[in-house]
């Protein structure tokens, strides 16, 4: 791995441009383009770093989910009618989405099971 790769990888994985990556790594834009096109490990590093970033973000969001739900519950009890109605609307919308997502997930599992149990001669 080239010494300047990590800085360029971080910028590109975060959605930065080749110009921004080149500036961060202290190389030219043509070098970044060459690495992207000619160095499979460079492209793999970008993908791996982006996956790590997304996993960290998902973990952070998940850690705040309970607090957000509690806060919505508190707002629903609010004396301020418009805030209570908006919070109730959000809760109902999320519950409906959750129900739909679960139904789709259940259907996918059932289809996968049916395919797995199907004789290979059919």
Protein backbone atom coordinates (compact mmCIF):
# COMPACT_ATOMS: atom_id res chain seq x y z
CA UNK A 1 0.00 0.00 0.00
CA UNK A 2 1.24 3.42 -0.86
CA UNK A 3 1.81 5.79 2.10
CA UNK A 4 -0.69 8.36 0.84
CA UNK A 5 -3.47 5.85 0.15
CA UNK A 6 -5.19 6.02 3.58
CA UNK A 7 -5.91 9.75 3.33
CA UNK A 8 -7.23 9.43 -0.22
CA UNK A 9 -9.29 6.36 0.71
CA UNK A 10 -10.95 8.16 3.64
CA UNK A 11 -11.93 11.11 1.46
CA UNK A 12 -13.25 8.95 -1.38
CA UNK A 13 -15.10 6.58 0.95
CA UNK A 14 -16.84 9.57 2.52
CA UNK A 15 -18.04 10.71 -0.91
CA UNK A 16 -15.29 13.18 -1.69
CA UNK A 17 -14.10 13.94 -5.19
CA UNK A 18 -10.86 12.82 -6.79
CA UNK A 19 -9.63 16.42 -6.48
CA UNK A 20 -10.35 16.46 -2.74
CA UNK A 21 -8.69 13.06 -2.30
CA UNK A 22 -5.63 14.23 -4.22
CA UNK A 23 -5.32 17.33 -2.03
CA UNK A 24 -5.67 15.27 1.17
CA UNK A 25 -3.09 12.72 0.02
CA UNK A 26 -0.67 15.25 -1.42
CA UNK A 27 -0.74 13.73 -4.90
CA UNK A 28 -2.15 14.74 -8.26
CA UNK A 29 -5.66 14.01 -9.49
CA UNK A 30 -4.20 11.83 -12.25
CA UNK A 31 -2.54 9.69 -9.58
CA UNK A 32 -5.89 9.18 -7.85
CA UNK A 33 -7.49 8.22 -11.15
CA UNK A 34 -4.65 5.82 -11.93
CA UNK A 35 -4.95 4.19 -8.50
CA UNK A 36 -8.70 3.79 -8.96
CA UNK A 37 -8.30 2.25 -12.41
CA UNK A 38 -5.11 0.22 -12.02
CA UNK A 39 -4.91 -0.77 -8.37
CA UNK A 40 -7.67 -3.22 -7.31
CA UNK A 41 -6.49 -3.02 -3.68
CA UNK A 42 -7.12 0.75 -3.72
CA UNK A 43 -10.71 0.29 -4.88
CA UNK A 44 -11.18 -2.52 -2.34
CA UNK A 45 -9.87 -0.22 0.41
CA UNK A 46 -12.43 2.42 -0.54
CA UNK A 47 -15.24 -0.16 -0.42
CA UNK A 48 -14.04 -1.59 2.90
CA UNK A 49 -13.71 1.86 4.46
CA UNK A 50 -17.15 2.91 3.21
CA UNK A 51 -18.65 -0.28 4.68
CA UNK A 52 -16.97 0.45 8.02
CA UNK A 53 -18.26 4.03 7.98
CA UNK A 54 -21.81 2.88 7.24
CA UNK A 55 -21.68 0.23 9.96
CA UNK A 56 -20.50 2.83 12.49
CA UNK A 57 -23.27 5.22 11.43
CA UNK A 58 -25.89 2.46 11.67
CA UNK A 59 -24.67 1.58 15.15
CA UNK A 60 -24.87 5.18 16.24
CA UNK A 61 -28.40 5.54 14.86
CA UNK A 62 -29.50 2.31 16.53
CA UNK A 63 -28.15 3.49 19.85
CA UNK A 64 -30.39 6.57 19.69
CA UNK A 65 -33.56 4.78 18.57
CA UNK A 66 -34.85 4.04 22.07
CA UNK A 67 -34.28 7.61 23.24
CA UNK A 68 -36.05 8.95 20.16
CA UNK A 69 -39.04 6.67 20.75
CA UNK A 70 -39.21 7.75 24.40
CA UNK A 71 -39.06 11.40 23.39
CA UNK A 72 -41.89 10.95 20.90
CA UNK A 73 -43.91 9.32 23.66
CA UNK A 74 -43.29 12.34 25.87
CA UNK A 75 -44.25 14.76 23.11
CA UNK A 76 -47.50 12.88 22.46
CA UNK A 77 -48.43 13.76 26.07
CA UNK A 78 -47.65 17.43 25.41
CA UNK A 79 -50.13 20.18 26.19
CA UNK A 80 -49.21 21.71 22.83
CA UNK A 81 -51.77 20.07 20.54
CA UNK A 82 -49.88 20.52 17.28
CA UNK A 83 -46.73 18.92 18.74
CA UNK A 84 -48.72 16.01 20.17
CA UNK A 85 -50.49 15.44 16.85
CA UNK A 86 -47.22 15.56 14.88
CA UNK A 87 -45.57 13.10 17.25
CA UNK A 88 -48.58 10.79 17.02
CA UNK A 89 -48.44 11.02 13.21
CA UNK A 90 -44.75 10.05 13.24
CA UNK A 91 -45.38 7.09 15.56
CA UNK A 92 -48.27 5.81 13.44
CA UNK A 93 -46.29 6.24 10.23
CA UNK A 94 -43.31 4.34 11.63
CA UNK A 95 -45.57 1.58 12.98
CA UNK A 96 -47.15 1.15 9.55
CA UNK A 97 -43.74 1.02 7.87
CA UNK A 98 -42.53 -1.53 10.41
CA UNK A 99 -45.61 -3.68 9.79
CA UNK A 100 -45.11 -3.56 6.02
CA UNK A 101 -41.39 -4.33 6.34
CA UNK A 102 -42.11 -7.33 8.57
CA UNK A 103 -44.72 -8.64 6.14
CA UNK A 104 -42.27 -8.36 3.24
CA UNK A 105 -39.54 -10.04 5.29
CA UNK A 106 -41.90 -12.90 6.20
CA UNK A 107 -42.84 -13.37 2.54
CA UNK A 108 -39.18 -13.44 1.47
CA UNK A 109 -38.37 -16.06 4.11
CA UNK A 110 -41.33 -18.19 2.97
CA UNK A 111 -40.25 -17.93 -0.68
CA UNK A 112 -36.65 -18.82 0.16
CA UNK A 113 -37.85 -21.84 2.12
CA UNK A 114 -40.13 -22.94 -0.72
CA UNK A 115 -37.26 -22.69 -3.21
CA UNK A 116 -34.91 -24.59 -0.89
CA UNK A 117 -37.43 -27.40 -0.40
CA UNK A 118 -38.32 -27.68 -4.07
CA UNK A 119 -36.93 -30.82 -5.72
CA UNK A 120 -34.08 -30.07 -8.11
CA UNK A 121 -35.82 -31.90 -10.99
CA UNK A 122 -38.62 -29.32 -11.19
